[in-house]
C-alpha cells in the first residue's frame, strides 16, 4: 500500500542489505564515488531525509561520507540561466527496452532498467541504470520550478555517470508512464514489481537544445563528477498521476546549489 507521506517531507529508514537491485538506487545517489552507485540506506549509512535535523541543510554534518554535500564546488541541482550556445550535436537517444522493475528505495520510486537503453553524449555511450522522479523539480530553468522532474541515471564504459533530465508540467495524462504509476504501491524493501513499459515513449526521442553542465548526485553523499543533460522542453502528466506520486513521496527535492562559475552550455536548437 502507499506510504502515508502525502503533504509532508519524507524521512524513512530502510534496511535493504543483500538486494543487488536496490543497491543501485536511492535517487541520484552513490556510495561516495561516481564509479560505484549504492543506496545510502542499503549500505547501512547514516539516515538522511528532506526535512528537519536530517534534511538537506544538515546533510554534510550527518556523516564524514557526506562532507561533499557541504564543501563541494559543483553541486546539483542548479538554477539554469543563460546557457552558452554551442551548436554542438544533441545527445542521441536509443531507449529500446520494454520492461522495468519498480522499487521503493525509501526516498523515491525507482524504475530499474534492463539492458538496452542507451544514449550517446559527446561521442560517449551511456546505458540507463534507473529512472525516478522528484516532486517538485529540483533544477530550475530561468528561475522557474516545474511540477516534477525525471532523472534517468546512466553509466558509460568507464563507470562515469550522467543524468538525463526531463521536466514535467501538469496537463494531459501520460499514457506511456501509467504502468509506472500503477506500480506506485510497491513496499519499501520489497524486491520490486516488474512491469511492461516502453522506454522509447517515456522520454523525448530526439531532444533539441539540450543543456549540459557538470554537477553532482542530488542526494548524499552528493558525489561530484556527474554530467547533467537537461531537455528544456517539458512533458505532461495529469494531476491524478502526479498526485499518485506525491502520495508516496512529496517534496523530495534538494534546494538549488551555487554555480561557482561552472560552465553551462546548450546544444544545437
Foldseek 3Di string as FASTA:
>chain_A
DFDQCFPHWFFFQAAQEPFPLLQQDDALAAPLALLGRGHCNPVPHFTATCDDCRRLVNQCVRDVSQVCSPVPQFADDAADDDAAEDQAFDKAWWAFAFKWWWADNRLWIKTADDPGTWIADPNFIWTFGIKTKAAWDAYHYNNHIARMKMWTWIATPVSAIETEIAGEHADDAQPQCVQVLVQNRDDHNDSTDMDGGGPCSPDDRGAFFWKWWWHFRQDPSRHTRYIYTYRPDHDYHHPVSVVSRSSRGHRSYRHHDDRNPTHMHTHHD
